[in-house]
């Protein structure tokens, strides 16, 4: 893997001189996969909400793909957690074959998240949501695939929600939906049921009754 860094005196990926220079370098080293991390930094100075501005580098990405390179880019999500995909113009995602959201697993500052496939033009993976965690103090870096919570009935879902909340992670309803492979509205309805039945308090913390119930299920 070769890592390149750039000065900040130009708009980088939207600069045709930079694009031409990178193409020559990719050809020289025999690159097969190129990763751009991240678009906000590498396309500094353009309007991310303008489809016309996005074309300045997306056309080049398509050109690289036609030449046989695999192009992977990283971008930030918008502030609206209910919306999938990158922030800004939707055109960013129109041309890609596969798009994935990385949903933080809790609010701790660590590499622990769910990979959620939001778009796939080819055959979709058998498991669309994958919980991964970076193994601590391991080099080279290794990722651990965590157990996938499978929900088939309302009771299974409620046990799954209690288990997730019992781990002490401050998860939003959207994150709970991602980890339990169900909709946010279904999560909301079941959380209300768990509160009404006395298994959770209003802050979504397990009560003594909830802890005892979960213990019996395991």
N, C-alpha and C. Protein backbone atom coordinates (compact mmCIF):
# COMPACT_ATOMS: atom_id res chain seq x y z
N UNK A 1 0.85 -1.19 0.00
CA UNK A 1 0.00 0.00 0.00
C UNK A 1 0.88 1.24 0.00
N UNK A 2 0.56 2.19 -0.85
CA UNK A 2 1.32 3.44 -0.96
C UNK A 2 0.40 4.59 -0.55
N UNK A 3 0.83 5.39 0.39
CA UNK A 3 0.04 6.52 0.87
C UNK A 3 0.62 7.81 0.31
N UNK A 4 -0.23 8.62 -0.30
CA UNK A 4 0.19 9.90 -0.86
C UNK A 4 -0.40 11.02 -0.03
N UNK A 5 0.34 12.11 0.12
CA UNK A 5 -0.17 13.30 0.80
C UNK A 5 0.03 14.49 -0.12
N UNK A 6 -0.79 15.52 0.07
CA UNK A 6 -0.77 16.67 -0.82
C UNK A 6 -0.70 17.96 -0.01
N UNK A 7 -0.19 18.99 -0.66
CA UNK A 7 -0.25 20.32 -0.06
C UNK A 7 -1.66 20.88 -0.23
N UNK A 8 -2.01 21.91 0.50
CA UNK A 8 -3.37 22.45 0.46
C UNK A 8 -3.47 23.71 -0.40
N UNK A 9 -2.57 23.89 -1.38
CA UNK A 9 -2.59 25.13 -2.14
C UNK A 9 -3.46 25.05 -3.39
N UNK A 10 -4.14 23.93 -3.62
CA UNK A 10 -5.04 23.82 -4.76
C UNK A 10 -6.20 22.89 -4.39
N UNK A 11 -7.18 22.81 -5.29
CA UNK A 11 -8.40 22.07 -4.98
C UNK A 11 -8.27 20.57 -5.22
N UNK A 12 -7.05 20.11 -5.42
CA UNK A 12 -6.71 18.69 -5.50
C UNK A 12 -7.51 17.92 -6.54
N UNK A 13 -8.46 17.11 -6.13
CA UNK A 13 -9.09 16.18 -7.06
C UNK A 13 -9.89 16.84 -8.18
N UNK A 14 -10.23 18.11 -8.03
CA UNK A 14 -10.94 18.80 -9.11
C UNK A 14 -9.96 19.55 -10.02
N UNK A 15 -8.68 19.48 -9.70
CA UNK A 15 -7.64 20.11 -10.50
C UNK A 15 -7.18 19.12 -11.57
N UNK A 16 -7.34 19.46 -12.84
CA UNK A 16 -7.01 18.54 -13.93
C UNK A 16 -5.52 18.18 -13.94
N UNK A 17 -4.65 19.11 -13.52
CA UNK A 17 -3.21 18.81 -13.47
C UNK A 17 -2.93 17.73 -12.42
N UNK A 18 -3.62 17.82 -11.29
CA UNK A 18 -3.47 16.80 -10.25
C UNK A 18 -4.00 15.46 -10.76
N UNK A 19 -5.15 15.48 -11.41
CA UNK A 19 -5.73 14.25 -11.95
C UNK A 19 -4.78 13.57 -12.93
N UNK A 20 -4.21 14.36 -13.85
CA UNK A 20 -3.29 13.80 -14.84
C UNK A 20 -2.05 13.23 -14.17
N UNK A 21 -1.54 13.96 -13.17
CA UNK A 21 -0.35 13.49 -12.46
C UNK A 21 -0.61 12.20 -11.71
N UNK A 22 -1.77 12.10 -11.09
CA UNK A 22 -2.12 10.89 -10.36
C UNK A 22 -2.30 9.70 -11.32
N UNK A 23 -2.91 9.96 -12.47
CA UNK A 23 -3.08 8.88 -13.45
C UNK A 23 -1.73 8.32 -13.89
N UNK A 24 -0.79 9.21 -14.13
CA UNK A 24 0.54 8.76 -14.54
C UNK A 24 1.20 7.95 -13.43
N UNK A 25 0.99 8.38 -12.19
CA UNK A 25 1.59 7.68 -11.05
C UNK A 25 0.94 6.32 -10.85
N UNK A 26 -0.39 6.25 -10.96
CA UNK A 26 -1.10 4.98 -10.83
C UNK A 26 -0.60 3.97 -11.86
N UNK A 27 -0.39 4.45 -13.08
CA UNK A 27 0.09 3.58 -14.15
C UNK A 27 1.52 3.12 -13.86
N UNK A 28 2.34 4.03 -13.34
CA UNK A 28 3.74 3.72 -13.06
C UNK A 28 3.89 2.62 -12.01
N UNK A 29 3.08 2.69 -10.95
CA UNK A 29 3.21 1.72 -9.85
C UNK A 29 2.31 0.50 -10.05
N UNK A 30 1.52 0.49 -11.12
CA UNK A 30 0.64 -0.65 -11.38
C UNK A 30 -0.51 -0.74 -10.40
N UNK A 31 -1.06 0.39 -10.01
CA UNK A 31 -2.16 0.40 -9.03
C UNK A 31 -3.40 -0.30 -9.58
N UNK A 32 -4.06 -1.04 -8.72
CA UNK A 32 -5.31 -1.71 -9.09
C UNK A 32 -6.49 -1.16 -8.30
N UNK A 33 -6.22 -0.72 -7.07
CA UNK A 33 -7.25 -0.15 -6.20
C UNK A 33 -6.75 1.20 -5.70
N UNK A 34 -7.59 2.23 -5.80
CA UNK A 34 -7.22 3.55 -5.27
C UNK A 34 -8.30 3.98 -4.27
N UNK A 35 -7.86 4.51 -3.14
CA UNK A 35 -8.76 4.93 -2.07
C UNK A 35 -8.57 6.42 -1.82
N UNK A 36 -9.65 7.17 -1.88
CA UNK A 36 -9.60 8.61 -1.62
C UNK A 36 -10.27 8.89 -0.28
N UNK A 37 -9.51 9.35 0.68
CA UNK A 37 -9.99 9.56 2.05
C UNK A 37 -9.54 10.94 2.53
N UNK A 38 -10.46 11.88 2.65
CA UNK A 38 -11.87 11.82 2.33
C UNK A 38 -12.21 12.94 1.35
N UNK A 39 -13.40 12.92 0.78
CA UNK A 39 -13.76 13.88 -0.26
C UNK A 39 -13.77 15.31 0.25
N UNK A 40 -14.17 15.52 1.50
CA UNK A 40 -14.22 16.88 2.04
C UNK A 40 -12.85 17.54 2.01
N UNK A 41 -11.82 16.75 2.32
CA UNK A 41 -10.46 17.29 2.32
C UNK A 41 -9.87 17.37 0.92
N UNK A 42 -10.14 16.37 0.11
CA UNK A 42 -9.52 16.29 -1.21
C UNK A 42 -10.22 17.13 -2.27
N UNK A 43 -11.44 17.58 -1.98
CA UNK A 43 -12.17 18.44 -2.92
C UNK A 43 -12.48 19.77 -2.26
N UNK A 44 -11.53 20.26 -1.51
CA UNK A 44 -11.70 21.51 -0.77
C UNK A 44 -11.98 22.67 -1.73
N UNK A 45 -12.97 23.49 -1.37
CA UNK A 45 -13.23 24.69 -2.15
C UNK A 45 -14.40 24.58 -3.10
N UNK A 46 -15.02 23.39 -3.24
CA UNK A 46 -16.18 23.28 -4.13
C UNK A 46 -17.44 23.14 -3.29
N UNK A 47 -18.57 23.40 -3.92
CA UNK A 47 -19.86 23.32 -3.24
C UNK A 47 -20.34 21.87 -3.24
N UNK A 48 -20.38 21.24 -2.05
CA UNK A 48 -20.75 19.83 -1.99
C UNK A 48 -22.23 19.59 -2.29
N UNK A 49 -23.02 20.67 -2.30
CA UNK A 49 -24.44 20.54 -2.63
C UNK A 49 -24.72 20.77 -4.11
N UNK A 50 -23.69 21.10 -4.87
CA UNK A 50 -23.84 21.38 -6.29
C UNK A 50 -23.49 20.13 -7.12
N UNK A 51 -24.46 19.64 -7.87
CA UNK A 51 -24.21 18.48 -8.73
C UNK A 51 -23.17 18.81 -9.79
N UNK A 52 -23.20 20.05 -10.28
CA UNK A 52 -22.24 20.48 -11.29
C UNK A 52 -20.82 20.45 -10.76
N UNK A 53 -20.64 20.90 -9.52
CA UNK A 53 -19.30 20.88 -8.91
C UNK A 53 -18.83 19.44 -8.69
N UNK A 54 -19.75 18.54 -8.33
CA UNK A 54 -19.35 17.14 -8.09
C UNK A 54 -18.86 16.48 -9.38
N UNK A 55 -19.39 16.93 -10.52
CA UNK A 55 -18.97 16.36 -11.80
C UNK A 55 -17.48 16.55 -12.05
N UNK A 56 -16.88 17.58 -11.44
CA UNK A 56 -15.48 17.90 -11.70
C UNK A 56 -14.54 16.76 -11.32
N UNK A 57 -14.94 15.96 -10.33
CA UNK A 57 -14.10 14.81 -9.97
C UNK A 57 -14.79 13.47 -10.26
N UNK A 58 -16.13 13.45 -10.27
CA UNK A 58 -16.84 12.19 -10.52
C UNK A 58 -16.59 11.69 -11.95
N UNK A 59 -16.51 12.61 -12.90
CA UNK A 59 -16.20 12.21 -14.27
C UNK A 59 -14.84 11.55 -14.32
N UNK A 60 -13.90 12.07 -13.54
CA UNK A 60 -12.55 11.48 -13.49
C UNK A 60 -12.57 10.12 -12.82
N UNK A 61 -13.36 9.96 -11.75
CA UNK A 61 -13.51 8.66 -11.10
C UNK A 61 -14.02 7.62 -12.10
N UNK A 62 -15.01 8.02 -12.91
CA UNK A 62 -15.56 7.09 -13.91
C UNK A 62 -14.48 6.72 -14.93
N UNK A 63 -13.66 7.69 -15.28
CA UNK A 63 -12.57 7.45 -16.24
C UNK A 63 -11.58 6.43 -15.68
N UNK A 64 -11.27 6.56 -14.39
CA UNK A 64 -10.36 5.59 -13.75
C UNK A 64 -10.96 4.19 -13.76
N UNK A 65 -12.25 4.13 -13.51
CA UNK A 65 -12.92 2.82 -13.48
C UNK A 65 -12.92 2.17 -14.86
N UNK A 66 -13.14 2.98 -15.90
CA UNK A 66 -13.11 2.46 -17.27
C UNK A 66 -11.73 1.89 -17.60
N UNK A 67 -10.69 2.49 -17.00
CA UNK A 67 -9.32 2.02 -17.23
C UNK A 67 -8.98 0.78 -16.40
N UNK A 68 -9.95 0.30 -15.62
CA UNK A 68 -9.75 -0.95 -14.89
C UNK A 68 -9.40 -0.79 -13.42
N UNK A 69 -9.38 0.44 -12.90
CA UNK A 69 -9.07 0.63 -11.49
C UNK A 69 -10.33 0.54 -10.65
N UNK A 70 -10.19 -0.01 -9.46
CA UNK A 70 -11.26 0.00 -8.47
C UNK A 70 -11.13 1.29 -7.67
N UNK A 71 -12.19 2.09 -7.66
CA UNK A 71 -12.16 3.38 -6.97
C UNK A 71 -13.03 3.30 -5.72
N UNK A 72 -12.43 3.57 -4.59
CA UNK A 72 -13.15 3.60 -3.31
C UNK A 72 -12.93 4.96 -2.68
N UNK A 73 -14.01 5.60 -2.27
CA UNK A 73 -13.84 6.90 -1.61
C UNK A 73 -14.61 6.94 -0.28
N UNK A 74 -14.09 7.74 0.61
CA UNK A 74 -14.68 7.92 1.95
C UNK A 74 -15.25 9.32 2.02
N UNK A 75 -16.45 9.44 2.56
CA UNK A 75 -17.07 10.76 2.70
C UNK A 75 -17.82 10.83 4.02
N UNK A 76 -18.13 12.04 4.45
CA UNK A 76 -18.87 12.24 5.69
C UNK A 76 -20.36 12.14 5.45
N UNK A 77 -21.09 11.68 6.46
CA UNK A 77 -22.54 11.70 6.41
C UNK A 77 -23.05 13.07 6.81
N UNK A 78 -24.31 13.33 6.45
CA UNK A 78 -24.93 14.57 6.87
C UNK A 78 -25.34 14.53 8.33
N UNK A 79 -25.84 15.64 8.84
CA UNK A 79 -26.24 15.72 10.24
C UNK A 79 -27.53 14.95 10.52
N UNK A 80 -28.34 14.74 9.47
CA UNK A 80 -29.60 14.01 9.64
C UNK A 80 -29.31 12.51 9.66
N UNK A 81 -29.37 11.91 10.84
CA UNK A 81 -29.03 10.49 11.00
C UNK A 81 -30.01 9.57 10.29
N UNK A 82 -31.20 10.10 9.94
CA UNK A 82 -32.22 9.27 9.29
C UNK A 82 -31.91 9.08 7.80
N UNK A 83 -31.03 9.91 7.28
CA UNK A 83 -30.71 9.87 5.85
C UNK A 83 -29.47 9.03 5.61
N UNK A 84 -29.55 8.09 4.68
CA UNK A 84 -28.39 7.27 4.35
C UNK A 84 -27.56 7.96 3.28
N UNK A 85 -26.35 7.50 3.11
CA UNK A 85 -25.49 8.04 2.06
C UNK A 85 -24.72 9.26 2.52
N UNK A 86 -23.84 9.78 1.64
CA UNK A 86 -23.00 10.92 1.99
C UNK A 86 -23.79 12.22 2.04
N UNK A 87 -23.21 13.21 2.71
CA UNK A 87 -23.86 14.51 2.76
C UNK A 87 -23.68 15.21 1.42
N UNK A 88 -24.49 16.23 1.18
CA UNK A 88 -24.36 16.99 -0.06
C UNK A 88 -25.18 16.39 -1.19
N UNK A 89 -24.78 16.70 -2.41
CA UNK A 89 -25.52 16.28 -3.61
C UNK A 89 -25.60 14.76 -3.71
N UNK A 90 -26.78 14.26 -4.07
CA UNK A 90 -26.97 12.81 -4.20
C UNK A 90 -26.17 12.24 -5.36
N UNK A 91 -25.73 13.11 -6.26
CA UNK A 91 -24.96 12.65 -7.43
C UNK A 91 -23.69 11.92 -7.02
N UNK A 92 -23.19 12.22 -5.81
CA UNK A 92 -21.99 11.53 -5.32
C UNK A 92 -22.18 10.02 -5.32
N UNK A 93 -23.40 9.59 -5.06
CA UNK A 93 -23.67 8.16 -4.87
C UNK A 93 -24.29 7.51 -6.10
N UNK A 94 -24.75 8.33 -7.06
CA UNK A 94 -25.47 7.79 -8.22
C UNK A 94 -24.62 6.81 -9.03
N UNK A 95 -23.33 7.10 -9.16
CA UNK A 95 -22.49 6.32 -10.07
C UNK A 95 -21.86 5.09 -9.43
N UNK A 96 -21.88 4.99 -8.11
CA UNK A 96 -21.16 3.91 -7.44
C UNK A 96 -21.91 2.58 -7.54
N UNK A 97 -21.17 1.49 -7.50
CA UNK A 97 -21.78 0.16 -7.54
C UNK A 97 -22.24 -0.29 -6.16
N UNK A 98 -21.45 0.07 -5.13
CA UNK A 98 -21.76 -0.33 -3.76
C UNK A 98 -21.55 0.84 -2.82
N UNK A 99 -22.49 1.04 -1.93
CA UNK A 99 -22.37 2.10 -0.93
C UNK A 99 -22.63 1.51 0.45
N UNK A 100 -21.82 1.92 1.43
CA UNK A 100 -21.96 1.40 2.78
C UNK A 100 -21.90 2.54 3.79
N UNK A 101 -22.74 2.45 4.81
CA UNK A 101 -22.70 3.38 5.94
C UNK A 101 -21.94 2.73 7.08
N UNK A 102 -21.11 3.51 7.75
CA UNK A 102 -20.46 3.05 8.97
C UNK A 102 -21.18 3.70 10.15
N UNK A 103 -21.92 2.88 10.90
CA UNK A 103 -22.73 3.39 12.01
C UNK A 103 -22.00 3.12 13.32
N UNK A 104 -21.63 4.18 14.06
CA UNK A 104 -20.91 3.98 15.33
C UNK A 104 -21.70 3.09 16.28
N UNK A 105 -21.01 2.16 16.91
CA UNK A 105 -21.64 1.27 17.88
C UNK A 105 -21.46 1.91 19.26
N UNK A 106 -22.41 2.77 19.63
CA UNK A 106 -22.26 3.54 20.86
C UNK A 106 -21.53 4.84 20.59
N UNK A 107 -21.23 5.60 21.64
CA UNK A 107 -20.64 6.92 21.48
C UNK A 107 -19.21 7.01 21.98
N UNK A 108 -18.59 5.86 22.25
CA UNK A 108 -17.20 5.87 22.68
C UNK A 108 -16.30 6.10 21.48
N UNK A 109 -15.20 6.82 21.71
CA UNK A 109 -14.27 7.16 20.63
C UNK A 109 -13.37 5.96 20.34
N UNK A 110 -13.92 4.98 19.63
CA UNK A 110 -13.14 3.80 19.29
C UNK A 110 -13.63 3.24 17.95
N UNK A 111 -12.80 2.43 17.32
CA UNK A 111 -13.15 1.85 16.02
C UNK A 111 -14.07 0.66 16.24
N UNK A 112 -15.34 0.93 16.40
CA UNK A 112 -16.35 -0.08 16.72
C UNK A 112 -17.65 0.36 16.05
N UNK A 113 -18.03 -0.30 14.99
CA UNK A 113 -19.20 0.16 14.26
C UNK A 113 -19.85 -0.95 13.45
N UNK A 114 -21.04 -0.65 12.94
CA UNK A 114 -21.76 -1.56 12.07
C UNK A 114 -21.61 -1.08 10.62
N UNK A 115 -21.24 -2.01 9.74
CA UNK A 115 -21.18 -1.72 8.31
C UNK A 115 -22.55 -2.07 7.74
N UNK A 116 -23.25 -1.08 7.20
CA UNK A 116 -24.59 -1.29 6.66
C UNK A 116 -24.58 -1.02 5.15
N UNK A 117 -24.90 -2.02 4.36
CA UNK A 117 -24.94 -1.87 2.91
C UNK A 117 -26.22 -1.13 2.53
N UNK A 118 -26.08 0.04 1.89
CA UNK A 118 -27.25 0.84 1.52
C UNK A 118 -27.53 0.80 0.02
N UNK A 119 -26.54 0.36 -0.76
CA UNK A 119 -26.72 0.25 -2.21
C UNK A 119 -25.81 -0.84 -2.74
N UNK A 120 -26.33 -1.67 -3.64
CA UNK A 120 -25.51 -2.73 -4.21
C UNK A 120 -26.09 -3.11 -5.56
N UNK A 121 -25.37 -2.84 -6.64
CA UNK A 121 -25.88 -3.11 -7.98
C UNK A 121 -25.77 -4.59 -8.35
N UNK A 122 -24.80 -5.27 -7.79
CA UNK A 122 -24.64 -6.69 -8.06
C UNK A 122 -25.40 -7.54 -7.06
N UNK A 123 -24.93 -8.74 -6.82
CA UNK A 123 -25.56 -9.63 -5.85
C UNK A 123 -25.33 -9.09 -4.45
N UNK A 124 -26.40 -8.92 -3.71
CA UNK A 124 -26.29 -8.37 -2.37
C UNK A 124 -25.66 -9.40 -1.44
N UNK A 125 -24.89 -8.93 -0.45
CA UNK A 125 -24.27 -9.87 0.49
C UNK A 125 -25.34 -10.56 1.33
N UNK A 126 -25.04 -11.79 1.78
CA UNK A 126 -26.01 -12.55 2.57
C UNK A 126 -26.26 -11.87 3.91
N UNK A 127 -25.27 -11.13 4.41
CA UNK A 127 -25.43 -10.41 5.67
C UNK A 127 -25.12 -8.94 5.41
N UNK A 128 -26.17 -8.12 5.36
CA UNK A 128 -26.00 -6.74 4.95
C UNK A 128 -25.47 -5.86 6.07
N UNK A 129 -25.70 -6.22 7.31
CA UNK A 129 -25.22 -5.44 8.45
C UNK A 129 -24.18 -6.26 9.20
N UNK A 130 -22.97 -5.73 9.29
CA UNK A 130 -21.87 -6.46 9.93
C UNK A 130 -21.27 -5.59 11.02
N UNK A 131 -21.26 -6.10 12.24
CA UNK A 131 -20.67 -5.39 13.37
C UNK A 131 -19.20 -5.75 13.47
N UNK A 132 -18.33 -4.76 13.33
CA UNK A 132 -16.88 -4.99 13.38
C UNK A 132 -16.24 -4.12 14.46
N UNK A 133 -15.15 -4.60 14.99
CA UNK A 133 -14.43 -3.87 16.05
C UNK A 133 -12.93 -4.08 15.85
N UNK A 134 -12.17 -3.00 15.94
CA UNK A 134 -10.72 -3.09 15.80
C UNK A 134 -10.13 -3.73 17.04
N UNK A 135 -9.32 -4.78 16.84
CA UNK A 135 -8.70 -5.45 17.97
C UNK A 135 -7.66 -4.51 18.61
N UNK A 136 -7.73 -4.29 19.91
CA UNK A 136 -6.78 -3.38 20.56
C UNK A 136 -5.37 -3.95 20.64
N UNK A 137 -4.39 -3.06 20.49
CA UNK A 137 -2.97 -3.41 20.67
C UNK A 137 -2.51 -4.54 19.75
N UNK A 138 -3.06 -4.57 18.54
CA UNK A 138 -2.65 -5.58 17.55
C UNK A 138 -2.10 -4.86 16.32
N UNK A 139 -0.90 -5.24 15.90
CA UNK A 139 -0.30 -4.65 14.70
C UNK A 139 0.39 -5.74 13.89
N UNK A 140 0.18 -5.83 12.58
CA UNK A 140 -0.72 -4.98 11.78
C UNK A 140 -2.17 -5.08 12.27
N UNK A 141 -2.94 -4.06 11.95
CA UNK A 141 -4.31 -3.98 12.46
C UNK A 141 -5.17 -5.15 12.02
N UNK A 142 -6.00 -5.62 12.94
CA UNK A 142 -6.94 -6.70 12.65
C UNK A 142 -8.33 -6.30 13.13
N UNK A 143 -9.32 -6.67 12.33
CA UNK A 143 -10.71 -6.39 12.69
C UNK A 143 -11.40 -7.67 13.14
N UNK A 144 -12.21 -7.56 14.15
CA UNK A 144 -12.98 -8.69 14.66
C UNK A 144 -14.44 -8.53 14.25
N UNK A 145 -15.00 -9.55 13.62
CA UNK A 145 -16.41 -9.53 13.25
C UNK A 145 -17.21 -10.02 14.44
N UNK A 146 -18.05 -9.14 14.96
CA UNK A 146 -18.82 -9.46 16.16
C UNK A 146 -20.07 -10.25 15.78
N UNK A 147 -20.70 -10.86 16.78
CA UNK A 147 -21.89 -11.66 16.55
C UNK A 147 -23.04 -10.82 16.02
N UNK A 148 -23.75 -11.34 15.02
CA UNK A 148 -24.88 -10.64 14.43
C UNK A 148 -26.16 -11.02 15.16
N UNK A 149 -26.87 -9.99 15.62
CA UNK A 149 -28.12 -10.24 16.33
C UNK A 149 -29.23 -10.51 15.30
N UNK A 150 -29.80 -11.70 15.31
CA UNK A 150 -30.85 -12.06 14.37
C UNK A 150 -32.20 -12.01 15.08
N UNK A 151 -33.14 -11.31 14.47
CA UNK A 151 -34.45 -11.11 15.09
C UNK A 151 -35.53 -11.75 14.23
N UNK A 152 -36.29 -12.68 14.80
CA UNK A 152 -37.34 -13.35 14.04
C UNK A 152 -38.72 -13.07 14.64
N UNK A 153 -38.82 -12.76 15.90
CA UNK A 153 -40.10 -12.48 16.53
C UNK A 153 -39.96 -11.22 17.37
N UNK A 154 -41.11 -10.70 17.81
CA UNK A 154 -41.09 -9.50 18.66
C UNK A 154 -40.34 -9.76 19.96
N UNK A 155 -40.50 -10.97 20.52
CA UNK A 155 -39.80 -11.30 21.76
C UNK A 155 -38.30 -11.35 21.53
N UNK A 156 -37.90 -11.96 20.41
CA UNK A 156 -36.49 -12.00 20.07
C UNK A 156 -35.93 -10.59 19.95
N UNK A 157 -36.70 -9.71 19.34
CA UNK A 157 -36.26 -8.33 19.17
C UNK A 157 -36.11 -7.64 20.52
N UNK A 158 -37.07 -7.85 21.40
CA UNK A 158 -36.99 -7.22 22.72
C UNK A 158 -35.79 -7.73 23.52
N UNK A 159 -35.52 -9.02 23.43
CA UNK A 159 -34.33 -9.57 24.09
C UNK A 159 -33.07 -8.97 23.48
N UNK A 160 -33.08 -8.83 22.14
CA UNK A 160 -31.94 -8.25 21.44
C UNK A 160 -31.71 -6.81 21.88
N UNK A 161 -32.78 -6.02 21.99
CA UNK A 161 -32.66 -4.62 22.43
C UNK A 161 -32.15 -4.53 23.86
N UNK A 162 -32.67 -5.39 24.71
CA UNK A 162 -32.21 -5.40 26.11
C UNK A 162 -30.72 -5.75 26.19
N UNK A 163 -30.30 -6.71 25.37
CA UNK A 163 -28.89 -7.12 25.36
C UNK A 163 -28.00 -5.97 24.90
N UNK A 164 -28.41 -5.27 23.86
CA UNK A 164 -27.63 -4.14 23.35
C UNK A 164 -27.53 -3.03 24.40
N UNK A 165 -28.66 -2.74 25.04
CA UNK A 165 -28.68 -1.67 26.05
C UNK A 165 -27.95 -2.10 27.32
N UNK A 166 -27.93 -3.40 27.61
CA UNK A 166 -27.26 -3.91 28.80
C UNK A 166 -25.75 -3.76 28.70
N UNK A 167 -25.24 -3.64 27.49
CA UNK A 167 -23.80 -3.49 27.30
C UNK A 167 -23.31 -2.10 27.69
N UNK A 168 -24.24 -1.24 28.06
CA UNK A 168 -23.85 0.09 28.54
C UNK A 168 -23.52 1.09 27.47
N UNK A 169 -23.88 0.78 26.22
CA UNK A 169 -23.60 1.68 25.11
C UNK A 169 -24.79 2.61 24.90
N UNK A 170 -24.51 3.88 24.70
CA UNK A 170 -25.55 4.88 24.52
C UNK A 170 -25.94 4.92 23.05
N UNK A 171 -26.84 4.03 22.64
CA UNK A 171 -27.22 3.88 21.24
C UNK A 171 -28.49 4.65 20.93
N UNK A 172 -28.53 5.29 19.76
CA UNK A 172 -29.74 5.94 19.30
C UNK A 172 -30.68 4.87 18.75
N UNK A 173 -31.94 5.24 18.55
CA UNK A 173 -32.89 4.28 17.99
C UNK A 173 -32.48 3.86 16.59
N UNK A 174 -31.89 4.78 15.83
CA UNK A 174 -31.42 4.45 14.49
C UNK A 174 -30.31 3.40 14.55
N UNK A 175 -29.41 3.55 15.51
CA UNK A 175 -28.32 2.59 15.67
C UNK A 175 -28.85 1.24 16.15
N UNK A 176 -29.82 1.26 17.06
CA UNK A 176 -30.43 0.02 17.52
C UNK A 176 -31.10 -0.71 16.36
N UNK A 177 -31.74 0.04 15.48
CA UNK A 177 -32.39 -0.56 14.32
C UNK A 177 -31.35 -1.22 13.41
N UNK A 178 -30.21 -0.56 13.23
CA UNK A 178 -29.16 -1.13 12.39
C UNK A 178 -28.59 -2.41 12.97
N UNK A 179 -28.36 -2.43 14.28
CA UNK A 179 -27.77 -3.59 14.92
C UNK A 179 -28.74 -4.77 15.02
N UNK A 180 -30.04 -4.48 15.06
CA UNK A 180 -31.03 -5.56 15.20
C UNK A 180 -31.72 -5.89 13.87
N UNK A 181 -31.28 -5.23 12.79
CA UNK A 181 -31.78 -5.52 11.45
C UNK A 181 -33.29 -5.35 11.35
N UNK A 182 -33.78 -4.22 11.85
CA UNK A 182 -35.20 -3.92 11.76
C UNK A 182 -35.37 -2.42 11.55
N UNK A 183 -36.59 -1.95 11.49
CA UNK A 183 -36.84 -0.53 11.23
C UNK A 183 -36.81 0.28 12.53
N UNK A 184 -36.59 1.58 12.38
CA UNK A 184 -36.55 2.45 13.55
C UNK A 184 -37.92 2.52 14.23
N UNK A 185 -38.99 2.49 13.43
CA UNK A 185 -40.34 2.55 14.01
C UNK A 185 -40.63 1.29 14.83
N UNK A 186 -40.13 0.13 14.37
CA UNK A 186 -40.32 -1.11 15.13
C UNK A 186 -39.54 -1.07 16.43
N UNK A 187 -38.33 -0.52 16.38
CA UNK A 187 -37.53 -0.36 17.60
C UNK A 187 -38.25 0.55 18.58
N UNK A 188 -38.77 1.68 18.08
CA UNK A 188 -39.46 2.64 18.94
C UNK A 188 -40.66 1.99 19.63
N UNK A 189 -41.45 1.22 18.87
CA UNK A 189 -42.63 0.55 19.43
C UNK A 189 -42.25 -0.45 20.51
N UNK A 190 -41.19 -1.21 20.28
CA UNK A 190 -40.78 -2.22 21.24
C UNK A 190 -40.12 -1.62 22.48
N UNK A 191 -39.44 -0.50 22.31
CA UNK A 191 -38.89 0.19 23.48
C UNK A 191 -40.01 0.68 24.40
N UNK A 192 -41.08 1.19 23.79
CA UNK A 192 -42.23 1.63 24.59
C UNK A 192 -42.85 0.44 25.33
N UNK A 193 -42.90 -0.71 24.66
CA UNK A 193 -43.43 -1.92 25.31
C UNK A 193 -42.57 -2.33 26.49
N UNK A 194 -41.24 -2.29 26.31
CA UNK A 194 -40.32 -2.67 27.37
C UNK A 194 -40.40 -1.71 28.55
N UNK A 195 -40.63 -0.42 28.26
CA UNK A 195 -40.80 0.55 29.34
C UNK A 195 -42.11 0.30 30.07
N UNK A 196 -43.18 0.05 29.29
CA UNK A 196 -44.49 -0.20 29.89
C UNK A 196 -44.52 -1.47 30.73
N UNK A 197 -43.73 -2.47 30.33
CA UNK A 197 -43.69 -3.73 31.07
C UNK A 197 -42.70 -3.68 32.24
N UNK A 198 -41.99 -2.56 32.38
CA UNK A 198 -41.10 -2.41 33.53
C UNK A 198 -39.70 -2.95 33.34
N UNK A 199 -39.33 -3.29 32.09
CA UNK A 199 -37.98 -3.82 31.84
C UNK A 199 -36.95 -2.71 31.63
N UNK A 200 -37.43 -1.54 31.19
CA UNK A 200 -36.57 -0.37 30.99
C UNK A 200 -37.17 0.83 31.69
N UNK A 201 -36.30 1.77 32.10
CA UNK A 201 -36.83 3.04 32.58
C UNK A 201 -36.93 4.00 31.40
N UNK A 202 -37.36 5.23 31.65
CA UNK A 202 -37.58 6.17 30.56
C UNK A 202 -36.29 6.59 29.87
N UNK A 203 -35.15 6.36 30.53
CA UNK A 203 -33.85 6.67 29.92
C UNK A 203 -33.26 5.47 29.18
N UNK A 204 -34.10 4.44 28.99
CA UNK A 204 -33.70 3.22 28.29
C UNK A 204 -32.58 2.47 29.01
N UNK A 205 -32.62 2.55 30.33
CA UNK A 205 -31.69 1.77 31.16
C UNK A 205 -32.44 0.58 31.73
N UNK A 206 -31.77 -0.56 31.83
CA UNK A 206 -32.42 -1.76 32.34
C UNK A 206 -32.77 -1.61 33.82
N UNK A 207 -33.99 -1.97 34.15
CA UNK A 207 -34.41 -2.02 35.55
C UNK A 207 -33.97 -3.38 36.12
N UNK A 208 -34.17 -3.57 37.40
CA UNK A 208 -33.86 -4.85 38.02
C UNK A 208 -34.67 -5.96 37.36
N UNK A 209 -35.94 -5.67 37.06
CA UNK A 209 -36.79 -6.65 36.39
C UNK A 209 -36.23 -7.00 35.01
N UNK A 210 -35.74 -5.97 34.31
CA UNK A 210 -35.16 -6.19 32.99
C UNK A 210 -33.90 -7.03 33.05
N UNK A 211 -33.05 -6.77 34.04
CA UNK A 211 -31.82 -7.55 34.20
C UNK A 211 -32.11 -9.00 34.52
N UNK A 212 -33.11 -9.24 35.39
CA UNK A 212 -33.48 -10.61 35.74
C UNK A 212 -34.07 -11.34 34.55
N UNK A 213 -34.89 -10.62 33.76
CA UNK A 213 -35.49 -11.21 32.57
C UNK A 213 -34.41 -11.61 31.56
N UNK A 214 -33.45 -10.72 31.36
CA UNK A 214 -32.38 -11.00 30.40
C UNK A 214 -31.51 -12.16 30.86
N UNK A 215 -31.29 -12.24 32.17
CA UNK A 215 -30.48 -13.33 32.72
C UNK A 215 -31.14 -14.68 32.47
N UNK A 216 -32.46 -14.74 32.59
CA UNK A 216 -33.19 -15.98 32.35
C UNK A 216 -33.12 -16.41 30.89
N UNK A 217 -33.05 -15.41 29.99
CA UNK A 217 -33.02 -15.70 28.55
C UNK A 217 -31.65 -16.20 28.10
N UNK A 218 -30.65 -16.01 28.95
CA UNK A 218 -29.31 -16.46 28.60
C UNK A 218 -28.85 -17.58 29.53
